[in-house]
N, C-alpha and C. Protein backbone atom coordinates (compact mmCIF):
# COMPACT_ATOMS: atom_id res chain seq x y z
N MET A 1 99.83 -48.32 -117.42
CA MET A 1 99.14 -49.35 -118.16
C MET A 1 98.34 -50.26 -117.24
N LYS A 2 98.85 -50.56 -116.07
CA LYS A 2 98.15 -51.42 -115.15
C LYS A 2 96.85 -50.78 -114.69
N ILE A 3 96.88 -49.45 -114.51
CA ILE A 3 95.67 -48.75 -114.07
C ILE A 3 94.61 -48.81 -115.16
N ILE A 4 95.02 -48.65 -116.41
CA ILE A 4 94.07 -48.71 -117.52
C ILE A 4 93.49 -50.12 -117.63
N ASN A 5 94.32 -51.11 -117.50
CA ASN A 5 93.83 -52.50 -117.52
C ASN A 5 92.89 -52.76 -116.34
N PHE A 6 93.28 -52.23 -115.20
CA PHE A 6 92.42 -52.41 -114.03
C PHE A 6 91.06 -51.76 -114.26
N TYR A 7 91.08 -50.56 -114.82
CA TYR A 7 89.83 -49.85 -115.09
C TYR A 7 88.98 -50.59 -116.12
N ASN A 8 89.60 -51.09 -117.13
CA ASN A 8 88.89 -51.83 -118.17
C ASN A 8 88.31 -53.15 -117.64
N ASN A 9 88.93 -53.73 -116.65
CA ASN A 9 88.44 -54.99 -116.09
C ASN A 9 87.28 -54.79 -115.12
N LEU A 10 87.00 -53.55 -114.76
CA LEU A 10 85.89 -53.29 -113.84
C LEU A 10 84.55 -53.46 -114.55
N GLN A 11 83.56 -53.79 -113.76
CA GLN A 11 82.21 -53.88 -114.31
C GLN A 11 81.67 -52.47 -114.53
N GLU A 12 80.61 -52.38 -115.28
CA GLU A 12 80.01 -51.08 -115.64
C GLU A 12 79.56 -50.33 -114.40
N ARG A 13 78.97 -51.02 -113.49
CA ARG A 13 78.50 -50.39 -112.25
C ARG A 13 79.68 -49.84 -111.44
N GLU A 14 80.77 -50.55 -111.35
CA GLU A 14 81.95 -50.10 -110.62
C GLU A 14 82.59 -48.90 -111.31
N LYS A 15 82.57 -48.87 -112.64
CA LYS A 15 83.10 -47.72 -113.38
C LYS A 15 82.31 -46.46 -113.07
N LYS A 16 80.98 -46.62 -113.00
CA LYS A 16 80.12 -45.46 -112.69
C LYS A 16 80.39 -44.97 -111.27
N LEU A 17 80.48 -45.90 -110.34
CA LEU A 17 80.75 -45.52 -108.95
C LEU A 17 82.11 -44.83 -108.82
N LEU A 18 83.10 -45.33 -109.50
CA LEU A 18 84.43 -44.71 -109.48
C LEU A 18 84.39 -43.31 -110.09
N SER A 19 83.67 -43.13 -111.17
CA SER A 19 83.53 -41.81 -111.83
C SER A 19 82.80 -40.83 -110.91
N ILE A 20 81.72 -41.32 -110.32
CA ILE A 20 80.95 -40.45 -109.41
C ILE A 20 81.80 -40.05 -108.21
N SER A 21 82.54 -41.00 -107.65
CA SER A 21 83.39 -40.67 -106.49
C SER A 21 84.49 -39.67 -106.87
N MET A 22 85.06 -39.78 -108.07
CA MET A 22 86.07 -38.82 -108.52
C MET A 22 85.48 -37.42 -108.68
N VAL A 23 84.28 -37.37 -109.26
CA VAL A 23 83.60 -36.08 -109.43
C VAL A 23 83.31 -35.47 -108.05
N LEU A 24 82.83 -36.29 -107.11
CA LEU A 24 82.55 -35.79 -105.77
C LEU A 24 83.81 -35.30 -105.07
N ILE A 25 84.91 -36.00 -105.24
CA ILE A 25 86.18 -35.57 -104.64
C ILE A 25 86.62 -34.23 -105.23
N ILE A 26 86.48 -34.09 -106.54
CA ILE A 26 86.85 -32.82 -107.19
C ILE A 26 85.94 -31.70 -106.70
N LEU A 27 84.62 -31.95 -106.61
CA LEU A 27 83.69 -30.93 -106.12
C LEU A 27 83.98 -30.56 -104.67
N LEU A 28 84.32 -31.54 -103.85
CA LEU A 28 84.65 -31.27 -102.46
C LEU A 28 85.92 -30.42 -102.37
N PHE A 29 86.90 -30.72 -103.19
CA PHE A 29 88.12 -29.92 -103.23
C PHE A 29 87.81 -28.48 -103.64
N VAL A 30 87.01 -28.30 -104.67
CA VAL A 30 86.63 -26.96 -105.13
C VAL A 30 85.86 -26.22 -104.03
N TYR A 31 84.97 -26.93 -103.33
CA TYR A 31 84.23 -26.32 -102.23
C TYR A 31 85.17 -25.82 -101.15
N PHE A 32 86.15 -26.62 -100.76
CA PHE A 32 87.08 -26.21 -99.71
C PHE A 32 87.93 -25.02 -100.15
N VAL A 33 88.32 -25.00 -101.40
CA VAL A 33 89.11 -23.87 -101.90
C VAL A 33 88.28 -22.58 -101.86
N PHE A 34 87.06 -22.64 -102.38
CA PHE A 34 86.21 -21.44 -102.37
C PHE A 34 85.84 -21.02 -100.95
N SER A 35 85.61 -21.97 -100.08
CA SER A 35 85.31 -21.67 -98.69
C SER A 35 86.49 -20.95 -98.02
N SER A 36 87.67 -21.41 -98.25
CA SER A 36 88.87 -20.79 -97.70
C SER A 36 89.06 -19.38 -98.24
N VAL A 37 88.87 -19.21 -99.53
CA VAL A 37 89.01 -17.89 -100.14
C VAL A 37 87.96 -16.93 -99.57
N TYR A 38 86.74 -17.39 -99.40
CA TYR A 38 85.68 -16.53 -98.87
C TYR A 38 85.97 -16.14 -97.42
N LYS A 39 86.45 -17.08 -96.60
CA LYS A 39 86.78 -16.76 -95.21
C LYS A 39 87.92 -15.75 -95.15
N ASN A 40 88.92 -15.91 -95.99
CA ASN A 40 90.02 -14.93 -96.03
C ASN A 40 89.53 -13.56 -96.48
N TYR A 41 88.62 -13.55 -97.42
CA TYR A 41 88.05 -12.29 -97.90
C TYR A 41 87.27 -11.58 -96.80
N THR A 42 86.42 -12.31 -96.08
CA THR A 42 85.64 -11.67 -95.00
C THR A 42 86.56 -11.21 -93.88
N ARG A 43 87.60 -11.97 -93.57
CA ARG A 43 88.55 -11.55 -92.54
C ARG A 43 89.28 -10.29 -92.98
N SER A 44 89.64 -10.21 -94.25
CA SER A 44 90.31 -9.02 -94.78
C SER A 44 89.40 -7.81 -94.71
N ILE A 45 88.13 -7.99 -94.99
CA ILE A 45 87.19 -6.88 -94.90
C ILE A 45 87.08 -6.38 -93.45
N LEU A 46 87.01 -7.30 -92.51
CA LEU A 46 86.95 -6.91 -91.09
C LEU A 46 88.23 -6.17 -90.68
N ASN A 47 89.37 -6.66 -91.13
CA ASN A 47 90.63 -5.99 -90.81
C ASN A 47 90.69 -4.60 -91.43
N LEU A 48 90.18 -4.47 -92.64
CA LEU A 48 90.15 -3.17 -93.30
C LEU A 48 89.26 -2.21 -92.54
N ASP A 49 88.07 -2.66 -92.13
CA ASP A 49 87.17 -1.80 -91.37
C ASP A 49 87.80 -1.37 -90.05
N LYS A 50 88.47 -2.29 -89.39
CA LYS A 50 89.12 -1.95 -88.12
C LYS A 50 90.24 -0.95 -88.34
N ALA A 51 91.06 -1.17 -89.36
CA ALA A 51 92.15 -0.23 -89.65
C ALA A 51 91.61 1.14 -90.03
N LYS A 52 90.52 1.15 -90.78
CA LYS A 52 89.92 2.42 -91.19
C LYS A 52 89.38 3.17 -89.98
N SER A 53 88.70 2.48 -89.08
CA SER A 53 88.16 3.15 -87.90
C SER A 53 89.29 3.63 -86.98
N ASP A 54 90.37 2.84 -86.86
CA ASP A 54 91.52 3.28 -86.07
C ASP A 54 92.15 4.53 -86.68
N TYR A 55 92.29 4.54 -87.99
CA TYR A 55 92.86 5.70 -88.67
C TYR A 55 91.99 6.94 -88.47
N GLU A 56 90.69 6.80 -88.63
CA GLU A 56 89.79 7.94 -88.47
C GLU A 56 89.81 8.46 -87.04
N TYR A 57 89.91 7.56 -86.06
CA TYR A 57 89.98 7.96 -84.65
C TYR A 57 91.25 8.78 -84.40
N VAL A 58 92.38 8.27 -84.85
CA VAL A 58 93.65 8.97 -84.65
C VAL A 58 93.65 10.29 -85.42
N PHE A 59 93.13 10.28 -86.63
CA PHE A 59 93.08 11.49 -87.44
C PHE A 59 92.25 12.57 -86.76
N SER A 60 91.10 12.20 -86.20
CA SER A 60 90.25 13.19 -85.53
C SER A 60 90.94 13.74 -84.28
N LYS A 61 91.65 12.89 -83.55
CA LYS A 61 92.38 13.36 -82.36
C LYS A 61 93.50 14.31 -82.76
N VAL A 62 94.24 13.98 -83.81
CA VAL A 62 95.33 14.84 -84.27
C VAL A 62 94.78 16.16 -84.78
N GLN A 63 93.67 16.09 -85.49
CA GLN A 63 93.08 17.31 -86.02
C GLN A 63 92.62 18.23 -84.89
N GLY A 64 92.02 17.64 -83.86
CA GLY A 64 91.63 18.44 -82.70
C GLY A 64 92.82 19.05 -81.99
N PHE A 65 93.90 18.27 -81.88
CA PHE A 65 95.11 18.78 -81.26
C PHE A 65 95.72 19.91 -82.08
N GLN A 66 95.76 19.74 -83.41
CA GLN A 66 96.32 20.77 -84.26
C GLN A 66 95.52 22.06 -84.19
N SER A 67 94.21 21.94 -84.16
CA SER A 67 93.40 23.15 -84.11
C SER A 67 93.61 23.88 -82.79
N SER A 68 93.79 23.15 -81.69
CA SER A 68 94.05 23.82 -80.41
C SER A 68 95.49 24.32 -80.36
N TYR A 69 96.41 23.63 -81.02
CA TYR A 69 97.81 24.04 -81.03
C TYR A 69 98.01 25.32 -81.83
N ASN A 70 97.25 25.50 -82.91
CA ASN A 70 97.40 26.67 -83.77
C ASN A 70 96.78 27.93 -83.18
N LYS A 71 96.01 27.81 -82.14
CA LYS A 71 95.38 28.99 -81.53
C LYS A 71 96.41 29.76 -80.72
N LYS A 72 96.28 31.07 -80.72
CA LYS A 72 97.26 31.94 -80.10
C LYS A 72 96.61 32.86 -79.08
N VAL A 73 97.45 33.41 -78.23
CA VAL A 73 97.01 34.43 -77.29
C VAL A 73 96.82 35.72 -78.08
N LEU A 74 95.75 36.41 -77.79
CA LEU A 74 95.44 37.63 -78.54
C LEU A 74 96.41 38.75 -78.17
N ASP A 75 97.07 39.31 -79.16
CA ASP A 75 97.85 40.52 -78.98
C ASP A 75 97.85 41.28 -80.31
N SER A 76 98.38 42.47 -80.28
CA SER A 76 98.30 43.32 -81.48
C SER A 76 99.10 42.74 -82.65
N ASN A 77 100.21 42.07 -82.37
CA ASN A 77 101.02 41.50 -83.46
C ASN A 77 100.26 40.41 -84.21
N VAL A 78 99.56 39.55 -83.48
CA VAL A 78 98.79 38.47 -84.12
C VAL A 78 97.69 39.07 -85.00
N ILE A 79 97.00 40.06 -84.48
CA ILE A 79 95.90 40.66 -85.24
C ILE A 79 96.44 41.45 -86.44
N GLU A 80 97.56 42.15 -86.26
CA GLU A 80 98.18 42.87 -87.38
C GLU A 80 98.58 41.90 -88.49
N ARG A 81 99.13 40.72 -88.11
CA ARG A 81 99.48 39.72 -89.12
C ARG A 81 98.23 39.19 -89.84
N LEU A 82 97.14 39.01 -89.10
CA LEU A 82 95.89 38.57 -89.72
C LEU A 82 95.41 39.61 -90.73
N ILE A 83 95.48 40.86 -90.36
CA ILE A 83 95.03 41.93 -91.25
C ILE A 83 95.89 41.97 -92.51
N SER A 84 97.20 41.93 -92.34
CA SER A 84 98.08 42.03 -93.52
C SER A 84 98.04 40.76 -94.37
N SER A 85 97.91 39.58 -93.74
CA SER A 85 97.90 38.34 -94.53
C SER A 85 96.61 38.19 -95.34
N ASN A 86 95.55 38.87 -94.94
CA ASN A 86 94.28 38.81 -95.67
C ASN A 86 94.02 40.06 -96.49
N ASN A 87 95.07 40.88 -96.70
CA ASN A 87 94.99 42.10 -97.52
C ASN A 87 93.88 43.04 -97.07
N LEU A 88 93.79 43.26 -95.78
CA LEU A 88 92.78 44.16 -95.23
C LEU A 88 93.41 45.44 -94.69
N ASP A 89 94.65 45.73 -95.06
CA ASP A 89 95.37 46.89 -94.54
C ASP A 89 94.65 48.20 -94.82
N ASN A 90 94.07 48.32 -96.00
CA ASN A 90 93.44 49.59 -96.40
C ASN A 90 92.03 49.75 -95.84
N SER A 91 91.39 48.66 -95.45
CA SER A 91 89.99 48.77 -95.02
C SER A 91 89.80 48.69 -93.51
N ILE A 92 90.80 48.25 -92.77
CA ILE A 92 90.68 48.14 -91.32
C ILE A 92 91.52 49.25 -90.69
N SER A 93 90.92 49.95 -89.74
CA SER A 93 91.65 51.03 -89.06
C SER A 93 91.24 51.07 -87.59
N ASP A 94 91.93 51.90 -86.83
CA ASP A 94 91.65 52.13 -85.41
C ASP A 94 91.61 50.85 -84.60
N LEU A 95 92.58 50.00 -84.78
CA LEU A 95 92.65 48.74 -84.02
C LEU A 95 93.12 49.05 -82.61
N LYS A 96 92.32 48.59 -81.65
CA LYS A 96 92.67 48.79 -80.23
C LYS A 96 92.40 47.49 -79.48
N ILE A 97 93.34 47.16 -78.60
CA ILE A 97 93.19 45.98 -77.74
C ILE A 97 93.35 46.45 -76.31
N SER A 98 92.38 46.06 -75.49
CA SER A 98 92.46 46.43 -74.07
C SER A 98 92.04 45.25 -73.21
N SER A 99 92.55 45.23 -71.99
CA SER A 99 92.22 44.17 -71.03
C SER A 99 91.66 44.79 -69.77
N VAL A 100 90.56 44.24 -69.31
CA VAL A 100 89.97 44.63 -68.05
C VAL A 100 89.66 43.34 -67.31
N ASP A 101 90.23 43.20 -66.13
CA ASP A 101 90.13 41.95 -65.36
C ASP A 101 90.60 40.79 -66.23
N LYS A 102 89.73 39.83 -66.49
CA LYS A 102 90.09 38.69 -67.34
C LYS A 102 89.51 38.80 -68.74
N SER A 103 88.87 39.91 -69.05
CA SER A 103 88.26 40.10 -70.37
C SER A 103 89.20 40.88 -71.27
N ILE A 104 89.17 40.52 -72.55
CA ILE A 104 89.96 41.21 -73.57
C ILE A 104 88.98 41.84 -74.55
N TYR A 105 89.18 43.13 -74.83
CA TYR A 105 88.32 43.86 -75.75
C TYR A 105 89.13 44.25 -76.98
N ILE A 106 88.60 43.93 -78.14
CA ILE A 106 89.24 44.30 -79.40
C ILE A 106 88.25 45.15 -80.17
N THR A 107 88.66 46.33 -80.55
CA THR A 107 87.81 47.21 -81.35
C THR A 107 88.57 47.62 -82.60
N PHE A 108 87.83 47.75 -83.68
CA PHE A 108 88.40 48.24 -84.93
C PHE A 108 87.28 48.80 -85.78
N SER A 109 87.68 49.58 -86.78
CA SER A 109 86.73 50.18 -87.72
C SER A 109 87.00 49.63 -89.10
N SER A 110 85.92 49.56 -89.89
CA SER A 110 86.04 49.02 -91.24
C SER A 110 85.12 49.80 -92.15
N SER A 111 85.45 49.82 -93.42
CA SER A 111 84.61 50.50 -94.40
C SER A 111 83.53 49.58 -94.96
N ASN A 112 83.62 48.29 -94.68
CA ASN A 112 82.72 47.32 -95.27
C ASN A 112 82.34 46.29 -94.20
N ILE A 113 81.06 45.96 -94.10
CA ILE A 113 80.60 45.00 -93.10
C ILE A 113 81.16 43.60 -93.37
N ASN A 114 81.29 43.24 -94.64
CA ASN A 114 81.82 41.91 -94.97
C ASN A 114 83.26 41.73 -94.48
N GLU A 115 84.06 42.77 -94.64
CA GLU A 115 85.44 42.70 -94.17
C GLU A 115 85.50 42.66 -92.65
N ALA A 116 84.61 43.40 -91.99
CA ALA A 116 84.56 43.39 -90.52
C ALA A 116 84.19 41.99 -90.01
N ILE A 117 83.22 41.38 -90.64
CA ILE A 117 82.80 40.03 -90.24
C ILE A 117 83.91 39.03 -90.53
N PHE A 118 84.55 39.16 -91.68
CA PHE A 118 85.63 38.25 -92.06
C PHE A 118 86.78 38.33 -91.04
N LEU A 119 87.21 39.54 -90.70
CA LEU A 119 88.30 39.71 -89.74
C LEU A 119 87.87 39.21 -88.35
N SER A 120 86.64 39.46 -87.98
CA SER A 120 86.14 38.98 -86.69
C SER A 120 86.21 37.46 -86.61
N GLU A 121 85.79 36.79 -87.66
CA GLU A 121 85.85 35.33 -87.70
C GLU A 121 87.29 34.83 -87.60
N LYS A 122 88.20 35.49 -88.32
CA LYS A 122 89.61 35.09 -88.27
C LYS A 122 90.17 35.26 -86.85
N ILE A 123 89.86 36.36 -86.21
CA ILE A 123 90.35 36.61 -84.85
C ILE A 123 89.78 35.58 -83.89
N ILE A 124 88.49 35.31 -84.00
CA ILE A 124 87.84 34.34 -83.10
C ILE A 124 88.41 32.95 -83.31
N ASN A 125 88.63 32.55 -84.56
CA ASN A 125 89.12 31.20 -84.84
C ASN A 125 90.58 30.99 -84.47
N THR A 126 91.37 32.06 -84.39
CA THR A 126 92.78 31.89 -84.03
C THR A 126 93.05 32.16 -82.56
N SER A 127 92.04 32.51 -81.82
CA SER A 127 92.24 32.86 -80.41
C SER A 127 92.05 31.67 -79.49
N LYS A 128 92.86 31.62 -78.43
CA LYS A 128 92.67 30.62 -77.38
C LYS A 128 91.49 30.99 -76.50
N ASN A 129 91.22 32.27 -76.43
CA ASN A 129 90.15 32.77 -75.55
C ASN A 129 88.78 32.48 -76.14
N GLU A 130 87.79 32.44 -75.27
CA GLU A 130 86.43 32.18 -75.69
C GLU A 130 85.70 33.50 -75.90
N ILE A 131 85.05 33.61 -77.04
CA ILE A 131 84.31 34.84 -77.36
C ILE A 131 83.05 34.92 -76.51
N SER A 132 82.77 36.10 -75.99
CA SER A 132 81.55 36.26 -75.20
C SER A 132 80.59 37.25 -75.82
N ASN A 133 81.10 38.17 -76.65
CA ASN A 133 80.21 39.16 -77.24
C ASN A 133 80.82 39.71 -78.53
N VAL A 134 79.97 39.91 -79.53
CA VAL A 134 80.37 40.54 -80.79
C VAL A 134 79.36 41.65 -81.07
N ARG A 135 79.88 42.84 -81.36
CA ARG A 135 78.97 43.95 -81.63
C ARG A 135 79.46 44.72 -82.86
N TYR A 136 78.54 44.92 -83.80
CA TYR A 136 78.81 45.72 -84.99
C TYR A 136 77.91 46.94 -84.93
N GLN A 137 78.49 48.11 -85.23
CA GLN A 137 77.71 49.34 -85.20
C GLN A 137 78.10 50.19 -86.40
N LYS A 138 77.10 50.69 -87.13
CA LYS A 138 77.36 51.49 -88.32
C LYS A 138 77.15 52.96 -87.98
N LEU A 139 78.19 53.76 -88.18
CA LEU A 139 78.12 55.21 -87.98
C LEU A 139 78.79 55.90 -89.16
N ASP A 140 78.05 56.71 -89.89
CA ASP A 140 78.60 57.46 -91.02
C ASP A 140 79.36 56.57 -92.02
N ASN A 141 78.74 55.50 -92.45
CA ASN A 141 79.31 54.55 -93.43
C ASN A 141 80.60 53.88 -92.95
N ILE A 142 80.81 53.87 -91.65
CA ILE A 142 81.95 53.17 -91.07
C ILE A 142 81.39 52.14 -90.09
N ILE A 143 81.91 50.94 -90.18
CA ILE A 143 81.46 49.85 -89.30
C ILE A 143 82.42 49.75 -88.13
N ASN A 144 81.93 50.00 -86.93
CA ASN A 144 82.72 49.84 -85.72
C ASN A 144 82.42 48.46 -85.14
N THR A 145 83.46 47.72 -84.86
CA THR A 145 83.34 46.36 -84.36
C THR A 145 83.97 46.26 -82.99
N LYS A 146 83.27 45.56 -82.09
CA LYS A 146 83.82 45.33 -80.75
C LYS A 146 83.67 43.84 -80.44
N LEU A 147 84.81 43.19 -80.16
CA LEU A 147 84.83 41.77 -79.79
C LEU A 147 85.23 41.68 -78.33
N THR A 148 84.49 40.89 -77.57
CA THR A 148 84.80 40.71 -76.15
C THR A 148 85.12 39.24 -75.93
N PHE A 149 86.28 38.97 -75.33
CA PHE A 149 86.73 37.62 -75.02
C PHE A 149 86.85 37.44 -73.52
N ASN A 150 86.57 36.24 -73.06
CA ASN A 150 86.75 35.91 -71.64
C ASN A 150 88.11 35.31 -71.43
């Protein structure tokens, strides 16, 4: 009640100044709240970008490690498993693996060029060795393939 009496006893000019100052205080408070929210939002965006780039960096390193970890030394068992796991048992024949010095030679015959290329890609992608030469030769409707690894 005393505040209401005090307000009523003020002159018109003082009432306007008091109203304007209250409005300014409320606007200043709203400004500080929105400013704080905006700063927190921008900081959160920066943290998200940093976390995302860290995740992508680690993911790419792990992916590179996994791809090198999954590669195997070339031998007949690995290639036989590739052939059987891709249902190429009936179309791939005469599989031979030989080593001369540090080079590994893999030869096989196929009835279809697409299957020969498919198996060649699988062998190359699962090998630790680096491919140096790929040769396809067609003789009497049979595709002879020779892969050379260093």
